Amino acid sequence: MSQDPWLQNYDATCRLAQEIAENIHERNRQHRTGGNPAKINMTLRASLQKLKQNIAQLKEGLLRSSSSRRIMQSEADRRQNLIDGLLTREKQLNATFKGDIAEPEPSRSTLMGGGGAAGGGSTTNPWLIEESEETKGLSFGEIKQQQQRIIDAQDAGLDALAAVISRQKTMGQEIGNELDEQNASVHGSICVVMHVSMGETTSGKKIKVSP
């Protein structure tokens, strides 16, 4: 089953924001080491403009989906929260690019979180949040793959549970049918015994009972 186009665009926009953050960090490193950041500055300006356009497209797409009722209100609210997070990150990136705010504490992280305290340092990703032991040393793509494996395992567990419940339901129905058949058989036997005890055959003729 293919992913929703809106979610695909959102993922692409997250990757773009991550790339911008890393380029800002590299630009600042070149400043500190006496390099020439002119080329990377041009790339950053184009990327920041592209980020702004992508966020605008996400907002338009959400408005169309929500107004046409193609998605539930709860999903519309969730996607709006995702857009709000991107807007906040865009402002942070623009301010850091212009030098209005200090670069966050450098560290490796995904876009799914806020910035850290101001400071220096040198790592691959300047937009760090505290991360768990399970994700340390993993790339952005590897973290996404790990999350997908967790989701797949949960789905498999739910499928197995559904299969067990289905089997139990079938067994219950079969037991119920068997009990119905046994009850019918017992009921028929009781009727025959009652007829015989009353001096009748199953055909309704009298039976001569010895004194």
N, C-alpha and C. Protein backbone atom coordinates (compact mmCIF):
# COMPACT_ATOMS: atom_id res chain seq x y z
N MET A 1 0.84 -1.18 0.00
CA MET A 1 0.00 0.00 0.00
C MET A 1 0.88 1.24 0.00
N SER A 2 0.71 2.16 -0.98
CA SER A 2 1.56 3.32 -1.12
C SER A 2 1.22 4.36 -0.07
N GLN A 3 2.23 5.15 0.29
CA GLN A 3 2.04 6.17 1.31
C GLN A 3 1.26 7.34 0.75
N ASP A 4 0.53 8.03 1.61
CA ASP A 4 -0.23 9.21 1.24
C ASP A 4 0.72 10.25 0.65
N PRO A 5 0.38 10.86 -0.52
CA PRO A 5 1.27 11.87 -1.14
C PRO A 5 1.60 13.02 -0.20
N TRP A 6 0.63 13.43 0.62
CA TRP A 6 0.88 14.53 1.55
C TRP A 6 1.99 14.15 2.53
N LEU A 7 1.92 12.93 3.06
CA LEU A 7 2.93 12.47 4.00
C LEU A 7 4.29 12.32 3.33
N GLN A 8 4.29 11.92 2.06
CA GLN A 8 5.56 11.83 1.32
C GLN A 8 6.18 13.23 1.18
N ASN A 9 5.35 14.24 0.87
CA ASN A 9 5.86 15.60 0.75
C ASN A 9 6.36 16.12 2.10
N TYR A 10 5.65 15.72 3.17
CA TYR A 10 6.09 16.14 4.50
C TYR A 10 7.46 15.55 4.82
N ASP A 11 7.65 14.25 4.53
CA ASP A 11 8.94 13.60 4.79
C ASP A 11 10.06 14.29 4.00
N ALA A 12 9.77 14.62 2.74
CA ALA A 12 10.77 15.30 1.90
C ALA A 12 11.12 16.66 2.47
N THR A 13 10.12 17.38 3.00
CA THR A 13 10.36 18.69 3.60
C THR A 13 11.19 18.57 4.87
N CYS A 14 10.93 17.51 5.66
CA CYS A 14 11.74 17.26 6.86
C CYS A 14 13.20 17.02 6.48
N ARG A 15 13.41 16.24 5.43
CA ARG A 15 14.79 15.97 5.00
C ARG A 15 15.47 17.24 4.52
N LEU A 16 14.71 18.11 3.83
CA LEU A 16 15.28 19.38 3.36
C LEU A 16 15.69 20.25 4.54
N ALA A 17 14.84 20.34 5.55
CA ALA A 17 15.15 21.13 6.74
C ALA A 17 16.39 20.57 7.44
N GLN A 18 16.50 19.25 7.50
CA GLN A 18 17.67 18.62 8.11
C GLN A 18 18.93 18.96 7.32
N GLU A 19 18.82 18.94 6.01
CA GLU A 19 19.97 19.26 5.16
C GLU A 19 20.40 20.71 5.36
N ILE A 20 19.41 21.61 5.47
CA ILE A 20 19.72 23.02 5.70
C ILE A 20 20.46 23.21 7.02
N ALA A 21 19.98 22.53 8.06
CA ALA A 21 20.63 22.63 9.37
C ALA A 21 22.08 22.18 9.30
N GLU A 22 22.33 21.10 8.60
CA GLU A 22 23.69 20.59 8.48
C GLU A 22 24.57 21.54 7.67
N ASN A 23 23.99 22.17 6.62
CA ASN A 23 24.76 23.12 5.80
C ASN A 23 25.08 24.39 6.59
N ILE A 24 24.14 24.83 7.44
CA ILE A 24 24.41 26.00 8.29
C ILE A 24 25.58 25.69 9.22
N HIS A 25 25.55 24.50 9.78
CA HIS A 25 26.65 24.09 10.66
C HIS A 25 27.98 24.07 9.91
N GLU A 26 27.97 23.55 8.70
CA GLU A 26 29.19 23.51 7.90
C GLU A 26 29.65 24.92 7.54
N ARG A 27 28.70 25.81 7.20
CA ARG A 27 29.04 27.20 6.89
C ARG A 27 29.71 27.87 8.07
N ASN A 28 29.15 27.66 9.28
CA ASN A 28 29.72 28.26 10.48
C ASN A 28 31.11 27.68 10.80
N ARG A 29 31.28 26.39 10.51
CA ARG A 29 32.60 25.78 10.71
C ARG A 29 33.64 26.43 9.80
N GLN A 30 33.22 26.69 8.55
CA GLN A 30 34.15 27.33 7.62
C GLN A 30 34.49 28.75 8.08
N HIS A 31 33.51 29.44 8.66
CA HIS A 31 33.78 30.77 9.21
C HIS A 31 34.86 30.69 10.29
N ARG A 32 34.72 29.69 11.17
CA ARG A 32 35.65 29.58 12.29
C ARG A 32 37.05 29.17 11.86
N THR A 33 37.13 28.40 10.77
CA THR A 33 38.43 27.90 10.32
C THR A 33 39.05 28.74 9.21
N GLY A 34 38.40 29.87 8.88
CA GLY A 34 38.96 30.76 7.87
C GLY A 34 38.68 30.34 6.44
N GLY A 35 37.68 29.47 6.23
CA GLY A 35 37.33 29.05 4.88
C GLY A 35 36.49 30.09 4.15
N ASN A 36 36.04 29.75 2.94
CA ASN A 36 35.22 30.65 2.14
C ASN A 36 33.81 30.07 2.02
N PRO A 37 32.84 30.59 2.80
CA PRO A 37 31.50 30.01 2.81
C PRO A 37 30.55 30.61 1.77
N ALA A 38 31.08 31.35 0.79
CA ALA A 38 30.21 32.05 -0.16
C ALA A 38 29.32 31.07 -0.93
N LYS A 39 29.91 29.99 -1.40
CA LYS A 39 29.14 29.03 -2.20
C LYS A 39 28.04 28.37 -1.37
N ILE A 40 28.37 27.98 -0.15
CA ILE A 40 27.38 27.31 0.69
C ILE A 40 26.27 28.28 1.11
N ASN A 41 26.63 29.59 1.20
CA ASN A 41 25.61 30.59 1.51
C ASN A 41 24.58 30.68 0.38
N MET A 42 25.03 30.60 -0.85
CA MET A 42 24.12 30.64 -2.00
C MET A 42 23.19 29.41 -1.97
N THR A 43 23.77 28.27 -1.67
CA THR A 43 22.96 27.04 -1.58
C THR A 43 21.92 27.16 -0.47
N LEU A 44 22.34 27.73 0.65
CA LEU A 44 21.42 27.87 1.78
C LEU A 44 20.26 28.80 1.45
N ARG A 45 20.52 29.90 0.77
CA ARG A 45 19.43 30.82 0.41
C ARG A 45 18.40 30.12 -0.47
N ALA A 46 18.88 29.35 -1.45
CA ALA A 46 17.96 28.63 -2.34
C ALA A 46 17.20 27.55 -1.57
N SER A 47 17.89 26.87 -0.67
CA SER A 47 17.23 25.81 0.10
C SER A 47 16.18 26.37 1.05
N LEU A 48 16.47 27.51 1.68
CA LEU A 48 15.51 28.13 2.59
C LEU A 48 14.26 28.60 1.82
N GLN A 49 14.45 29.08 0.61
CA GLN A 49 13.31 29.48 -0.22
C GLN A 49 12.48 28.25 -0.61
N LYS A 50 13.17 27.16 -0.93
CA LYS A 50 12.48 25.92 -1.27
C LYS A 50 11.72 25.38 -0.07
N LEU A 51 12.31 25.49 1.12
CA LEU A 51 11.63 25.05 2.33
C LEU A 51 10.34 25.82 2.55
N LYS A 52 10.40 27.13 2.34
CA LYS A 52 9.21 27.97 2.49
C LYS A 52 8.12 27.55 1.51
N GLN A 53 8.50 27.27 0.26
CA GLN A 53 7.53 26.85 -0.74
C GLN A 53 6.92 25.49 -0.39
N ASN A 54 7.74 24.56 0.08
CA ASN A 54 7.24 23.23 0.45
C ASN A 54 6.22 23.31 1.58
N ILE A 55 6.51 24.15 2.57
CA ILE A 55 5.57 24.29 3.69
C ILE A 55 4.25 24.89 3.21
N ALA A 56 4.34 25.87 2.29
CA ALA A 56 3.12 26.47 1.73
C ALA A 56 2.29 25.42 0.98
N GLN A 57 2.98 24.53 0.25
CA GLN A 57 2.28 23.47 -0.48
C GLN A 57 1.62 22.49 0.49
N LEU A 58 2.29 22.20 1.59
CA LEU A 58 1.70 21.31 2.59
C LEU A 58 0.44 21.94 3.18
N LYS A 59 0.48 23.23 3.45
CA LYS A 59 -0.69 23.92 4.00
C LYS A 59 -1.85 23.89 3.02
N GLU A 60 -1.56 24.13 1.73
CA GLU A 60 -2.61 24.11 0.71
C GLU A 60 -3.20 22.70 0.57
N GLY A 61 -2.31 21.69 0.56
CA GLY A 61 -2.79 20.31 0.43
C GLY A 61 -3.65 19.90 1.60
N LEU A 62 -3.28 20.32 2.80
CA LEU A 62 -4.08 20.00 3.98
C LEU A 62 -5.44 20.69 3.91
N LEU A 63 -5.46 21.93 3.45
CA LEU A 63 -6.72 22.66 3.35
C LEU A 63 -7.67 21.97 2.37
N ARG A 64 -7.12 21.50 1.23
CA ARG A 64 -7.96 20.82 0.24
C ARG A 64 -8.50 19.50 0.80
N SER A 65 -7.64 18.73 1.44
CA SER A 65 -8.07 17.44 1.98
C SER A 65 -9.10 17.62 3.08
N SER A 66 -8.88 18.63 3.92
CA SER A 66 -9.80 18.85 5.04
C SER A 66 -11.16 19.36 4.56
N SER A 67 -11.16 20.29 3.61
CA SER A 67 -12.42 20.87 3.14
C SER A 67 -13.24 19.87 2.34
N SER A 68 -12.55 18.93 1.65
CA SER A 68 -13.26 17.92 0.87
C SER A 68 -13.57 16.67 1.69
N ARG A 69 -13.19 16.69 2.99
CA ARG A 69 -13.46 15.58 3.91
C ARG A 69 -12.80 14.28 3.48
N ARG A 70 -11.64 14.39 2.81
CA ARG A 70 -10.92 13.18 2.42
C ARG A 70 -10.18 12.57 3.61
N ILE A 71 -9.98 13.37 4.65
CA ILE A 71 -9.35 12.86 5.87
C ILE A 71 -10.22 13.24 7.06
N MET A 72 -10.10 12.48 8.15
CA MET A 72 -10.87 12.76 9.36
C MET A 72 -10.32 14.00 10.05
N GLN A 73 -11.14 14.60 10.90
CA GLN A 73 -10.73 15.83 11.59
C GLN A 73 -9.52 15.58 12.48
N SER A 74 -9.48 14.41 13.13
CA SER A 74 -8.34 14.10 13.99
C SER A 74 -7.03 14.06 13.20
N GLU A 75 -7.09 13.51 11.97
CA GLU A 75 -5.90 13.46 11.12
C GLU A 75 -5.54 14.86 10.63
N ALA A 76 -6.57 15.67 10.33
CA ALA A 76 -6.32 17.04 9.90
C ALA A 76 -5.61 17.83 11.01
N ASP A 77 -6.04 17.62 12.26
CA ASP A 77 -5.41 18.30 13.39
C ASP A 77 -3.97 17.83 13.56
N ARG A 78 -3.75 16.52 13.39
CA ARG A 78 -2.39 15.99 13.53
C ARG A 78 -1.46 16.58 12.47
N ARG A 79 -1.97 16.67 11.23
CA ARG A 79 -1.14 17.23 10.16
C ARG A 79 -0.88 18.72 10.36
N GLN A 80 -1.85 19.43 10.93
CA GLN A 80 -1.64 20.84 11.21
C GLN A 80 -0.54 21.02 12.25
N ASN A 81 -0.50 20.13 13.23
CA ASN A 81 0.57 20.18 14.23
C ASN A 81 1.94 19.93 13.58
N LEU A 82 1.98 19.02 12.61
CA LEU A 82 3.23 18.76 11.89
C LEU A 82 3.68 20.01 11.13
N ILE A 83 2.73 20.70 10.50
CA ILE A 83 3.06 21.93 9.77
C ILE A 83 3.55 23.00 10.74
N ASP A 84 2.89 23.12 11.88
CA ASP A 84 3.31 24.11 12.88
C ASP A 84 4.75 23.86 13.31
N GLY A 85 5.10 22.57 13.47
CA GLY A 85 6.47 22.24 13.83
C GLY A 85 7.46 22.65 12.75
N LEU A 86 7.08 22.45 11.49
CA LEU A 86 7.95 22.86 10.38
C LEU A 86 8.09 24.38 10.31
N LEU A 87 7.02 25.09 10.57
CA LEU A 87 7.08 26.57 10.56
C LEU A 87 8.03 27.07 11.65
N THR A 88 7.96 26.45 12.83
CA THR A 88 8.87 26.83 13.91
C THR A 88 10.31 26.56 13.52
N ARG A 89 10.54 25.39 12.92
CA ARG A 89 11.90 25.05 12.50
C ARG A 89 12.39 25.98 11.40
N GLU A 90 11.51 26.37 10.48
CA GLU A 90 11.90 27.29 9.41
C GLU A 90 12.37 28.62 10.00
N LYS A 91 11.64 29.13 11.01
CA LYS A 91 12.03 30.39 11.64
C LYS A 91 13.38 30.26 12.33
N GLN A 92 13.61 29.12 12.98
CA GLN A 92 14.89 28.88 13.64
C GLN A 92 16.03 28.85 12.62
N LEU A 93 15.81 28.16 11.53
CA LEU A 93 16.84 28.04 10.50
C LEU A 93 17.16 29.39 9.88
N ASN A 94 16.13 30.18 9.58
CA ASN A 94 16.34 31.50 8.99
C ASN A 94 17.10 32.41 9.95
N ALA A 95 16.70 32.36 11.24
CA ALA A 95 17.36 33.21 12.23
C ALA A 95 18.82 32.80 12.41
N THR A 96 19.08 31.50 12.42
CA THR A 96 20.46 31.02 12.57
C THR A 96 21.29 31.37 11.33
N PHE A 97 20.70 31.24 10.16
CA PHE A 97 21.40 31.58 8.91
C PHE A 97 21.80 33.05 8.90
N LYS A 98 20.90 33.92 9.40
CA LYS A 98 21.18 35.36 9.40
C LYS A 98 22.05 35.78 10.58
N GLY A 99 22.27 34.85 11.52
CA GLY A 99 23.08 35.18 12.68
C GLY A 99 22.31 35.86 13.78
N ASP A 100 20.96 35.84 13.71
CA ASP A 100 20.14 36.49 14.74
C ASP A 100 20.13 35.69 16.03
N ILE A 101 20.31 34.36 15.93
CA ILE A 101 20.39 33.52 17.13
C ILE A 101 21.61 32.63 17.00
N ALA A 102 22.11 32.17 18.16
CA ALA A 102 23.28 31.31 18.14
C ALA A 102 22.91 29.94 17.63
N GLU A 103 23.91 29.25 17.09
CA GLU A 103 23.69 27.88 16.62
C GLU A 103 23.43 26.98 17.81
N PRO A 104 22.42 26.09 17.74
CA PRO A 104 22.14 25.19 18.88
C PRO A 104 23.31 24.28 19.18
N GLU A 105 23.27 23.71 20.40
CA GLU A 105 24.29 22.74 20.80
C GLU A 105 24.37 21.65 19.76
N PRO A 106 25.51 21.49 19.09
CA PRO A 106 25.59 20.54 17.99
C PRO A 106 25.50 19.11 18.47
N SER A 107 24.81 18.29 17.71
CA SER A 107 24.66 16.87 18.01
C SER A 107 23.85 16.26 16.90
N ARG A 108 23.81 14.93 16.82
CA ARG A 108 23.07 14.26 15.77
C ARG A 108 21.65 14.01 16.21
N SER A 109 20.69 14.39 15.37
CA SER A 109 19.29 14.18 15.70
C SER A 109 18.47 14.24 14.44
N THR A 110 17.22 13.91 14.55
CA THR A 110 16.28 14.06 13.46
C THR A 110 15.55 15.36 13.62
N LEU A 111 14.68 15.67 12.67
CA LEU A 111 13.90 16.89 12.73
C LEU A 111 12.83 16.81 13.79
N MET A 112 12.55 15.63 14.34
CA MET A 112 11.40 15.45 15.22
C MET A 112 11.67 15.95 16.63
N GLY A 113 12.19 17.14 16.78
CA GLY A 113 12.40 17.68 18.11
C GLY A 113 12.92 19.08 18.05
N GLY A 114 13.11 19.70 19.22
CA GLY A 114 13.54 21.08 19.28
C GLY A 114 15.04 21.19 19.35
N GLY A 115 15.57 22.44 19.38
CA GLY A 115 16.98 22.69 19.46
C GLY A 115 17.47 22.62 20.89
N GLY A 116 18.79 22.63 21.07
CA GLY A 116 19.36 22.58 22.40
C GLY A 116 19.86 23.93 22.82
N ALA A 117 20.72 23.97 23.85
CA ALA A 117 21.28 25.22 24.33
C ALA A 117 22.32 25.72 23.36
N ALA A 118 22.56 27.06 23.35
CA ALA A 118 23.52 27.64 22.44
C ALA A 118 24.91 27.19 22.83
N GLY A 119 25.78 27.06 21.85
CA GLY A 119 27.14 26.65 22.17
C GLY A 119 27.86 26.19 20.94
N GLY A 120 29.11 25.81 21.11
CA GLY A 120 29.90 25.39 19.97
C GLY A 120 30.09 23.91 19.97
N GLY A 121 31.05 23.45 19.20
CA GLY A 121 31.28 22.03 19.10
C GLY A 121 31.25 21.63 17.67
N SER A 122 31.60 20.43 17.36
CA SER A 122 31.60 20.03 15.99
C SER A 122 31.14 18.60 15.86
N THR A 123 29.94 18.44 15.31
CA THR A 123 29.38 17.12 15.01
C THR A 123 28.67 17.22 13.68
N THR A 124 28.08 16.16 13.23
CA THR A 124 27.47 16.14 11.90
C THR A 124 26.16 16.89 11.83
N ASN A 125 25.47 17.04 12.96
CA ASN A 125 24.14 17.63 12.93
C ASN A 125 23.98 18.67 14.02
N PRO A 126 23.72 19.93 13.70
CA PRO A 126 23.64 20.98 14.71
C PRO A 126 22.31 21.04 15.43
N TRP A 127 21.33 20.24 15.01
CA TRP A 127 19.99 20.32 15.62
C TRP A 127 19.77 19.09 16.48
N LEU A 128 20.42 19.06 17.65
CA LEU A 128 20.42 17.88 18.50
C LEU A 128 19.42 17.96 19.62
N ILE A 129 18.76 16.87 19.88
CA ILE A 129 18.04 16.69 21.12
C ILE A 129 18.61 15.44 21.79
N GLU A 130 18.32 15.27 23.05
CA GLU A 130 18.82 14.07 23.74
C GLU A 130 18.20 12.84 23.11
N GLU A 131 19.00 11.88 22.74
CA GLU A 131 18.48 10.70 22.09
C GLU A 131 18.77 9.45 22.88
N SER A 132 18.03 8.41 22.60
CA SER A 132 18.14 7.18 23.37
C SER A 132 19.36 6.37 22.91
N GLU A 133 19.71 5.37 23.74
CA GLU A 133 20.83 4.50 23.41
C GLU A 133 20.55 3.73 22.12
N GLU A 134 19.25 3.41 21.88
CA GLU A 134 18.89 2.60 20.71
C GLU A 134 19.19 3.32 19.40
N THR A 135 19.18 4.68 19.40
CA THR A 135 19.35 5.42 18.15
C THR A 135 20.75 6.01 17.99
N LYS A 136 21.56 5.96 19.05
CA LYS A 136 22.89 6.53 18.94
C LYS A 136 23.71 5.76 17.91
N GLY A 137 24.39 6.51 17.06
CA GLY A 137 25.22 5.89 16.03
C GLY A 137 24.47 5.56 14.76
N LEU A 138 23.15 5.79 14.73
CA LEU A 138 22.36 5.51 13.54
C LEU A 138 22.17 6.77 12.71
N SER A 139 22.09 6.59 11.40
CA SER A 139 21.81 7.73 10.51
C SER A 139 20.31 8.03 10.52
N PHE A 140 19.94 9.14 9.88
CA PHE A 140 18.53 9.53 9.79
C PHE A 140 17.70 8.42 9.13
N GLY A 141 18.24 7.87 8.03
CA GLY A 141 17.52 6.80 7.33
C GLY A 141 17.40 5.54 8.14
N GLU A 142 18.47 5.21 8.89
CA GLU A 142 18.45 4.00 9.72
C GLU A 142 17.45 4.13 10.87
N ILE A 143 17.32 5.35 11.43
CA ILE A 143 16.34 5.56 12.49
C ILE A 143 14.93 5.36 11.95
N LYS A 144 14.67 5.88 10.74
CA LYS A 144 13.35 5.70 10.14
C LYS A 144 13.07 4.23 9.87
N GLN A 145 14.09 3.48 9.41
CA GLN A 145 13.91 2.05 9.18
C GLN A 145 13.64 1.32 10.49
N GLN A 146 14.32 1.72 11.57
CA GLN A 146 14.09 1.10 12.87
C GLN A 146 12.66 1.35 13.34
N GLN A 147 12.18 2.59 13.16
CA GLN A 147 10.82 2.92 13.55
C GLN A 147 9.82 2.12 12.73
N GLN A 148 10.11 1.93 11.43
CA GLN A 148 9.20 1.17 10.57
C GLN A 148 9.16 -0.29 10.98
N ARG A 149 10.32 -0.85 11.39
CA ARG A 149 10.35 -2.24 11.85
C ARG A 149 9.51 -2.41 13.11
N ILE A 150 9.56 -1.41 14.01
CA ILE A 150 8.75 -1.48 15.23
C ILE A 150 7.27 -1.47 14.87
N ILE A 151 6.90 -0.59 13.94
CA ILE A 151 5.50 -0.51 13.51
C ILE A 151 5.06 -1.82 12.86
N ASP A 152 5.93 -2.39 12.00
CA ASP A 152 5.61 -3.66 11.34
C ASP A 152 5.42 -4.78 12.36
N ALA A 153 6.28 -4.79 13.39
CA ALA A 153 6.17 -5.83 14.43
C ALA A 153 4.86 -5.68 15.20
N GLN A 154 4.48 -4.44 15.47
CA GLN A 154 3.22 -4.21 16.16
C GLN A 154 2.04 -4.67 15.30
N ASP A 155 2.12 -4.36 13.98
CA ASP A 155 1.05 -4.79 13.07
C ASP A 155 0.96 -6.31 13.02
N ALA A 156 2.13 -6.97 12.99
CA ALA A 156 2.13 -8.43 12.94
C ALA A 156 1.52 -9.01 14.22
N GLY A 157 1.82 -8.39 15.36
CA GLY A 157 1.24 -8.84 16.62
C GLY A 157 -0.27 -8.70 16.63
N LEU A 158 -0.76 -7.59 16.07
CA LEU A 158 -2.21 -7.37 16.01
C LEU A 158 -2.86 -8.38 15.08
N ASP A 159 -2.18 -8.68 13.94
CA ASP A 159 -2.72 -9.68 13.01
C ASP A 159 -2.81 -11.04 13.68
N ALA A 160 -1.77 -11.42 14.44
CA ALA A 160 -1.78 -12.71 15.12
C ALA A 160 -2.90 -12.76 16.15
N LEU A 161 -3.09 -11.66 16.88
CA LEU A 161 -4.16 -11.62 17.88
C LEU A 161 -5.52 -11.75 17.22
N ALA A 162 -5.68 -11.07 16.08
CA ALA A 162 -6.95 -11.15 15.36
C ALA A 162 -7.22 -12.57 14.88
N ALA A 163 -6.14 -13.27 14.43
CA ALA A 163 -6.28 -14.65 13.97
C ALA A 163 -6.71 -15.57 15.11
N VAL A 164 -6.12 -15.36 16.30
CA VAL A 164 -6.48 -16.17 17.47
C VAL A 164 -7.95 -15.95 17.84
N ILE A 165 -8.36 -14.70 17.86
CA ILE A 165 -9.75 -14.38 18.19
C ILE A 165 -10.70 -14.99 17.18
N SER A 166 -10.31 -14.95 15.89
CA SER A 166 -11.16 -15.53 14.84
C SER A 166 -11.31 -17.03 15.02
N ARG A 167 -10.17 -17.71 15.37
CA ARG A 167 -10.22 -19.16 15.58
C ARG A 167 -11.09 -19.50 16.78
N GLN A 168 -10.97 -18.72 17.84
CA GLN A 168 -11.78 -18.97 19.03
C GLN A 168 -13.26 -18.77 18.72
N LYS A 169 -13.56 -17.80 17.91
CA LYS A 169 -14.96 -17.55 17.53
C LYS A 169 -15.51 -18.72 16.73
N THR A 170 -14.68 -19.21 15.78
CA THR A 170 -15.10 -20.36 14.97
C THR A 170 -15.31 -21.59 15.84
N MET A 171 -14.39 -21.82 16.77
CA MET A 171 -14.53 -22.97 17.67
C MET A 171 -15.79 -22.85 18.52
N GLY A 172 -16.09 -21.65 18.98
CA GLY A 172 -17.29 -21.43 19.77
C GLY A 172 -18.54 -21.74 18.98
N GLN A 173 -18.54 -21.31 17.70
CA GLN A 173 -19.69 -21.59 16.85
C GLN A 173 -19.85 -23.09 16.63
N GLU A 174 -18.72 -23.79 16.39
CA GLU A 174 -18.77 -25.24 16.16
C GLU A 174 -19.27 -25.97 17.41
N ILE A 175 -18.79 -25.55 18.57
CA ILE A 175 -19.25 -26.17 19.82
C ILE A 175 -20.74 -25.93 20.02
N GLY A 176 -21.18 -24.71 19.72
CA GLY A 176 -22.60 -24.39 19.84
C GLY A 176 -23.45 -25.24 18.92
N ASN A 177 -22.99 -25.44 17.67
CA ASN A 177 -23.74 -26.27 16.73
C ASN A 177 -23.81 -27.72 17.20
N GLU A 178 -22.68 -28.21 17.76
CA GLU A 178 -22.65 -29.59 18.24
C GLU A 178 -23.61 -29.77 19.42
N LEU A 179 -23.65 -28.79 20.31
CA LEU A 179 -24.57 -28.86 21.44
C LEU A 179 -26.02 -28.84 20.98
N ASP A 180 -26.29 -28.05 19.96
CA ASP A 180 -27.66 -28.01 19.42
C ASP A 180 -28.06 -29.37 18.87
N GLU A 181 -27.12 -30.02 18.15
CA GLU A 181 -27.40 -31.34 17.58
C GLU A 181 -27.61 -32.37 18.69
N GLN A 182 -26.79 -32.31 19.73
CA GLN A 182 -26.93 -33.25 20.84
C GLN A 182 -28.26 -33.03 21.58
N ASN A 183 -28.62 -31.76 21.77
CA ASN A 183 -29.89 -31.47 22.43
C ASN A 183 -31.07 -31.99 21.62
N ALA A 184 -31.00 -31.85 20.29
CA ALA A 184 -32.07 -32.33 19.43
C ALA A 184 -32.17 -33.86 19.51
N SER A 185 -31.01 -34.53 19.54
CA SER A 185 -30.99 -35.99 19.62
C SER A 185 -31.58 -36.47 20.94
N VAL A 186 -31.18 -35.80 22.04
CA VAL A 186 -31.70 -36.17 23.35
C VAL A 186 -33.20 -35.93 23.42
N HIS A 187 -33.64 -34.83 22.86
CA HIS A 187 -35.07 -34.50 22.87
C HIS A 187 -35.87 -35.57 22.12
N GLY A 188 -35.32 -36.04 20.97
CA GLY A 188 -36.01 -37.07 20.20
C GLY A 188 -36.07 -38.38 20.96
N SER A 189 -35.00 -38.75 21.65
CA SER A 189 -34.99 -39.99 22.42
C SER A 189 -36.00 -39.95 23.55
N ILE A 190 -36.13 -38.80 24.21
CA ILE A 190 -37.08 -38.66 25.31
C ILE A 190 -38.51 -38.82 24.80
N CYS A 191 -38.78 -38.27 23.64
CA CYS A 191 -40.13 -38.39 23.06
C CYS A 191 -40.48 -39.85 22.78
N VAL A 192 -39.52 -40.62 22.24
CA VAL A 192 -39.76 -42.03 21.93
C VAL A 192 -40.04 -42.79 23.22
N VAL A 193 -39.23 -42.55 24.26
CA VAL A 193 -39.43 -43.24 25.53
C VAL A 193 -40.80 -42.91 26.11
N MET A 194 -41.21 -41.65 26.01
CA MET A 194 -42.51 -41.25 26.54
C MET A 194 -43.64 -41.94 25.79
N HIS A 195 -43.56 -42.06 24.47
CA HIS A 195 -44.59 -42.71 23.66
C HIS A 195 -44.70 -44.19 24.01
N VAL A 196 -43.54 -44.84 24.17
CA VAL A 196 -43.55 -46.27 24.50
C VAL A 196 -44.15 -46.50 25.88
N SER A 197 -43.80 -45.67 26.84
CA SER A 197 -44.31 -45.83 28.19
C SER A 197 -45.83 -45.61 28.25
N MET A 198 -46.36 -44.89 27.31
CA MET A 198 -47.81 -44.66 27.27
C MET A 198 -48.53 -45.75 26.48
N GLY A 199 -47.83 -46.79 26.07
CA GLY A 199 -48.44 -47.91 25.36
C GLY A 199 -48.64 -47.64 23.89
N GLU A 200 -47.78 -46.77 23.31
CA GLU A 200 -47.90 -46.48 21.88
C GLU A 200 -46.59 -46.77 21.20
N THR A 201 -46.72 -47.13 19.96
CA THR A 201 -45.53 -47.27 19.14
C THR A 201 -45.26 -45.93 18.50
N THR A 202 -44.15 -45.84 17.84
CA THR A 202 -43.83 -44.58 17.16
C THR A 202 -44.79 -44.32 16.03
N SER A 203 -45.52 -45.35 15.58
CA SER A 203 -46.52 -45.14 14.50
C SER A 203 -47.88 -44.76 15.07
N GLY A 204 -48.01 -44.75 16.41
CA GLY A 204 -49.27 -44.34 17.03
C GLY A 204 -50.21 -45.48 17.38
N LYS A 205 -49.85 -46.74 17.09
CA LYS A 205 -50.71 -47.90 17.40
C LYS A 205 -50.52 -48.32 18.84
N LYS A 206 -51.59 -48.82 19.45
CA LYS A 206 -51.57 -49.25 20.85
C LYS A 206 -50.71 -50.51 20.98
N ILE A 207 -50.01 -50.60 22.07
CA ILE A 207 -49.22 -51.79 22.39
C ILE A 207 -49.91 -52.52 23.53
N LYS A 208 -50.05 -53.77 23.35
CA LYS A 208 -50.70 -54.57 24.40
C LYS A 208 -49.70 -54.79 25.51
N VAL A 209 -50.09 -54.28 26.64
CA VAL A 209 -49.19 -54.38 27.80
C VAL A 209 -49.67 -55.45 28.69
N SER A 210 -48.82 -56.46 29.00
CA SER A 210 -49.22 -57.57 29.87
C SER A 210 -49.47 -57.08 31.27
N PRO A 211 -50.52 -57.68 31.93
CA PRO A 211 -50.82 -57.26 33.32
C PRO A 211 -49.72 -57.72 34.24
